[in-house]
Amino acid sequence: MLRHLRFYLGALAALYAFYLGGHYLLGLPFPTPGFLLRLALGAGAGVGLGLLYHRLWPLPPPGMGRVVRLLVLLPPAFVLGMGLTLAFGAQAALHFIVPLLAWLTPAYGPKDGPAPERPTRG
């Protein structure tokens, strides 16, 4: 649980830095507290969706299984992000942030099985 909280806070810090950098480097509007709250809610929704998916369908080993899982994960996450964007009137890219965090979250959780052994040389 602590890993997920650290991942969430790290992702949130990166998003805040990105939008703050956009203000200073590109002259975009300064992010307001309401805007930052909407980012935090969107990031939380993405992490929560990633945890839910990981519980229902654990991350398979690398290969075609991960591709299929990604293709099944993206549409509901994208629609959830679009819904949050419309509901909150956010000018953030929540429809991209939610699927990205939902996709990345399982990598920061407990592994389902032992890691495959790497072959050693001679």
Protein backbone atom coordinates (compact mmCIF):
# COMPACT_ATOMS: atom_id res chain seq x y z
CA MET A 1 0.00 0.00 0.00
CA LEU A 2 2.86 2.33 0.82
CA ARG A 3 4.36 1.70 -2.64
CA HIS A 4 1.15 2.80 -4.30
CA LEU A 5 0.97 5.92 -2.17
CA ARG A 6 4.58 6.76 -3.04
CA PHE A 7 3.84 6.16 -6.73
CA TYR A 8 0.73 8.37 -6.55
CA LEU A 9 2.58 11.18 -4.79
CA GLY A 10 5.50 10.92 -7.20
CA ALA A 11 3.20 11.04 -10.23
CA LEU A 12 1.35 13.97 -8.72
CA ALA A 13 4.61 15.82 -8.09
CA ALA A 14 5.67 15.21 -11.70
CA LEU A 15 2.31 16.49 -12.99
CA TYR A 16 2.46 19.58 -10.80
CA ALA A 17 6.03 20.27 -11.96
CA PHE A 18 4.95 19.81 -15.58
CA TYR A 19 2.12 22.32 -15.31
CA LEU A 20 4.24 24.73 -13.26
CA GLY A 21 7.01 24.48 -15.85
CA GLY A 22 4.43 25.18 -18.55
CA HIS A 23 3.60 28.42 -16.77
CA TYR A 24 7.19 29.61 -16.48
CA LEU A 25 8.56 28.27 -19.78
CA LEU A 26 5.58 28.69 -22.12
CA GLY A 27 3.60 31.46 -20.45
CA LEU A 28 0.55 29.26 -19.78
CA PRO A 29 -1.84 30.31 -16.99
CA PHE A 30 -0.60 29.63 -13.47
CA PRO A 31 -2.21 26.44 -12.07
CA THR A 32 -4.83 27.39 -9.49
CA PRO A 33 -5.55 25.30 -6.37
CA GLY A 34 -8.80 24.09 -7.99
CA PHE A 35 -6.88 22.99 -11.06
CA LEU A 36 -4.33 21.15 -8.91
CA LEU A 37 -7.16 19.45 -7.01
CA ARG A 38 -8.66 18.25 -10.31
CA LEU A 39 -5.26 16.87 -11.28
CA ALA A 40 -5.02 15.08 -7.93
CA LEU A 41 -8.49 13.57 -8.38
CA GLY A 42 -7.69 12.44 -11.92
CA ALA A 43 -4.40 10.90 -10.83
CA GLY A 44 -6.18 9.18 -7.92
CA ALA A 45 -8.81 7.79 -10.29
CA GLY A 46 -6.06 6.42 -12.54
CA VAL A 47 -4.18 4.77 -9.69
CA GLY A 48 -7.44 3.36 -8.29
CA LEU A 49 -8.42 1.96 -11.68
CA GLY A 50 -4.97 0.43 -12.05
CA LEU A 51 -5.28 -1.24 -8.64
CA LEU A 52 -8.75 -2.53 -9.51
CA TYR A 53 -7.58 -3.96 -12.82
CA HIS A 54 -4.56 -5.53 -11.14
CA ARG A 55 -6.81 -7.23 -8.60
CA LEU A 56 -9.22 -8.50 -11.25
CA TRP A 57 -6.66 -9.36 -13.92
CA PRO A 58 -3.06 -9.48 -12.62
CA LEU A 59 -0.27 -8.32 -14.86
CA PRO A 60 0.69 -11.25 -17.10
CA PRO A 61 4.27 -12.00 -18.10
CA PRO A 62 5.66 -9.95 -20.98
CA GLY A 63 4.15 -10.91 -24.29
CA MET A 64 0.81 -10.89 -26.07
CA GLY A 65 -1.11 -11.18 -22.79
CA ARG A 66 0.05 -7.73 -21.74
CA VAL A 67 -0.94 -6.25 -25.08
CA VAL A 68 -4.45 -7.71 -24.81
CA ARG A 69 -4.74 -6.49 -21.22
CA LEU A 70 -3.67 -3.01 -22.30
CA LEU A 71 -6.23 -2.94 -25.12
CA VAL A 72 -8.96 -3.97 -22.67
CA LEU A 73 -7.80 -1.42 -20.07
CA LEU A 74 -7.55 1.67 -22.28
CA PRO A 75 -11.17 2.27 -23.40
CA PRO A 76 -12.79 2.44 -19.93
CA ALA A 77 -9.87 4.44 -18.53
CA PHE A 78 -10.01 6.90 -21.43
CA VAL A 79 -13.78 7.30 -21.07
CA LEU A 80 -13.41 7.81 -17.31
CA GLY A 81 -10.80 10.50 -17.97
CA MET A 82 -13.08 12.20 -20.51
CA GLY A 83 -15.96 12.07 -18.02
CA LEU A 84 -13.81 13.66 -15.32
CA THR A 85 -12.70 16.33 -17.77
CA LEU A 86 -16.30 17.16 -18.64
CA ALA A 87 -17.59 16.93 -15.06
CA PHE A 88 -14.89 19.15 -13.58
CA GLY A 89 -14.45 21.44 -16.57
CA ALA A 90 -10.77 20.69 -16.27
CA GLN A 91 -8.33 22.10 -18.73
CA ALA A 92 -5.94 19.31 -17.84
CA ALA A 93 -5.30 16.29 -19.97
CA LEU A 94 -7.18 14.00 -17.56
CA HIS A 95 -8.29 11.78 -20.45
CA PHE A 96 -4.60 10.91 -20.94
CA ILE A 97 -3.50 11.02 -17.29
CA VAL A 98 -6.08 8.48 -16.05
CA PRO A 99 -5.18 5.71 -18.56
CA LEU A 100 -1.45 6.35 -18.17
CA LEU A 101 -1.54 5.99 -14.39
CA ALA A 102 -3.93 3.02 -14.61
CA TRP A 103 -1.45 1.35 -16.95
CA LEU A 104 1.64 2.14 -14.84
CA THR A 105 0.23 1.38 -11.37
CA PRO A 106 0.49 -2.46 -11.38
CA ALA A 107 4.24 -2.22 -11.93
CA TYR A 108 4.54 -0.62 -8.45
CA GLY A 109 2.51 -3.23 -6.62
CA PRO A 110 3.25 -6.65 -5.22
CA LYS A 111 4.36 -9.15 -7.77
CA ASP A 112 2.04 -12.10 -8.29
CA GLY A 113 4.68 -14.71 -8.58
CA PRO A 114 8.41 -15.27 -8.46
CA ALA A 115 10.45 -13.37 -11.00
CA PRO A 116 11.74 -15.49 -13.86
CA GLU A 117 15.36 -16.45 -13.49
CA ARG A 118 17.83 -14.92 -15.88
CA PRO A 119 20.16 -17.27 -17.69
CA THR A 120 23.77 -16.91 -16.63
CA ARG A 121 26.74 -17.00 -18.94
CA GLY A 122 29.21 -19.82 -18.76
